[in-house]
Amino acid sequence: MKTRTLVAAVAAAAVVTAGSIALLARAADPTVEQLLADHALLRRELDRCRDLGIKAVDDPRCTVADEAERQRFFDKPKYTHRDVQVYPNSPTPDAKAPEPPKTEPPHG
């Protein structure tokens, strides 16, 4: 009977330990903001997901890494939009054409 109790206690301890490790590992998963702040960490996560292959589809860390990569490219533009004037010496459509100088008629 003592052997059964000992085996049950060891099994219960193993379950509790495994659960604690899983919770700690889950708490250590990087967030989108952390991945955006640290490019090397984002690169490591994306490389890990690439190495997982098809299993990466169901991996929550890969989902976070994909979201961070998407935000890095599409949500925060690095450049501001400016209108480009192809012919810089031509007048803009809004500008009025300068009036020709007034000349005196010839005396005759």
Protein backbone atom coordinates (compact mmCIF):
# COMPACT_ATOMS: atom_id res chain seq x y z
CA MET A 1 0.00 0.00 0.00
CA LYS A 2 2.85 2.38 0.72
CA THR A 3 4.23 1.82 -2.76
CA ARG A 4 0.94 2.94 -4.32
CA THR A 5 0.87 6.05 -2.18
CA LEU A 6 4.45 6.85 -3.10
CA VAL A 7 3.77 6.33 -6.81
CA ALA A 8 0.65 8.52 -6.60
CA ALA A 9 2.58 11.25 -4.77
CA VAL A 10 5.39 11.18 -7.35
CA ALA A 11 2.87 11.27 -10.20
CA ALA A 12 1.03 14.20 -8.60
CA ALA A 13 4.32 16.05 -8.10
CA ALA A 14 5.24 15.44 -11.73
CA VAL A 15 1.89 16.77 -12.93
CA VAL A 16 2.19 19.89 -10.75
CA THR A 17 5.78 20.46 -11.90
CA ALA A 18 4.86 20.02 -15.56
CA GLY A 19 1.95 22.42 -15.17
CA SER A 20 4.14 25.00 -13.48
CA ILE A 21 6.75 24.75 -16.20
CA ALA A 22 4.08 25.14 -18.87
CA LEU A 23 2.67 28.24 -17.16
CA LEU A 24 6.11 29.78 -16.76
CA ALA A 25 6.95 29.06 -20.39
CA ARG A 26 3.66 30.58 -21.50
CA ALA A 27 4.33 33.70 -19.40
CA ALA A 28 7.74 34.04 -21.06
CA ASP A 29 6.30 34.09 -24.58
CA PRO A 30 7.15 37.42 -26.21
CA THR A 31 4.37 39.85 -27.07
CA VAL A 32 3.97 41.71 -30.35
CA GLU A 33 5.32 44.89 -28.73
CA GLN A 34 8.40 43.09 -27.41
CA LEU A 35 9.08 41.58 -30.83
CA LEU A 36 8.69 44.96 -32.52
CA ALA A 37 11.10 46.53 -30.05
CA ASP A 38 13.78 43.85 -30.50
CA HIS A 39 14.44 42.95 -34.14
CA ALA A 40 16.86 40.13 -33.23
CA LEU A 41 14.21 38.48 -31.05
CA LEU A 42 11.66 38.77 -33.85
CA ARG A 43 14.12 37.23 -36.31
CA ARG A 44 14.78 34.31 -33.92
CA GLU A 45 11.05 33.68 -33.50
CA LEU A 46 10.46 33.77 -37.26
CA ASP A 47 13.38 31.38 -37.82
CA ARG A 48 11.98 29.03 -35.16
CA CYS A 49 8.58 29.10 -36.86
CA ARG A 50 10.18 28.42 -40.23
CA ASP A 51 11.95 25.39 -38.78
CA LEU A 52 8.68 24.06 -37.31
CA GLY A 53 7.22 23.68 -40.78
CA ILE A 54 3.48 22.99 -40.91
CA LYS A 55 3.29 22.82 -37.10
CA ALA A 56 3.83 26.58 -37.05
CA VAL A 57 0.21 27.09 -38.13
CA ASP A 58 -1.03 25.93 -34.71
CA ASP A 59 1.80 27.45 -32.66
CA PRO A 60 0.65 30.55 -30.71
CA ARG A 61 4.18 32.02 -30.63
CA CYS A 62 4.31 31.85 -34.42
CA THR A 63 0.97 33.65 -34.61
CA VAL A 64 2.39 36.45 -32.45
CA ALA A 65 5.57 36.58 -34.53
CA ASP A 66 3.56 36.74 -37.77
CA GLU A 67 1.47 39.60 -36.37
CA ALA A 68 4.60 41.48 -35.32
CA GLU A 69 6.12 41.02 -38.78
CA ARG A 70 2.90 42.20 -40.43
CA GLN A 71 2.80 45.31 -38.23
CA ARG A 72 6.45 46.00 -38.90
CA PHE A 73 5.79 46.22 -42.63
CA PHE A 74 2.26 47.55 -42.96
CA ASP A 75 1.16 49.46 -39.86
CA LYS A 76 3.96 51.95 -39.34
CA PRO A 77 5.03 53.74 -42.51
CA LYS A 78 8.63 54.86 -42.48
CA TYR A 79 8.15 57.45 -45.19
CA THR A 80 5.72 60.31 -45.53
CA HIS A 81 3.88 60.79 -48.78
CA ARG A 82 4.88 63.76 -50.89
CA ASP A 83 3.51 64.73 -54.26
CA VAL A 84 6.20 64.43 -56.87
CA GLN A 85 6.46 67.12 -59.48
CA VAL A 86 7.75 65.45 -62.61
CA TYR A 87 8.58 68.70 -64.38
CA PRO A 88 9.72 71.04 -61.61
CA ASN A 89 10.05 74.09 -63.88
CA SER A 90 6.50 73.88 -65.21
CA PRO A 91 3.82 75.91 -63.45
CA THR A 92 1.44 74.15 -61.14
CA PRO A 93 -2.24 74.02 -62.15
CA ASP A 94 -3.12 76.36 -59.27
CA ALA A 95 -0.63 79.04 -60.26
CA LYS A 96 -1.76 81.88 -62.48
CA ALA A 97 0.18 82.50 -65.62
CA PRO A 98 2.16 85.72 -65.40
CA GLU A 99 0.69 88.58 -67.37
CA PRO A 100 2.73 89.64 -70.36
CA PRO A 101 4.46 93.01 -69.95
CA LYS A 102 2.49 95.96 -71.29
CA THR A 103 4.20 97.61 -74.22
CA GLU A 104 3.44 100.95 -75.79
CA PRO A 105 2.17 100.88 -79.35
CA PRO A 106 4.76 102.08 -81.80
CA HIS A 107 4.67 105.80 -82.73
CA GLY A 108 3.94 106.30 -86.25
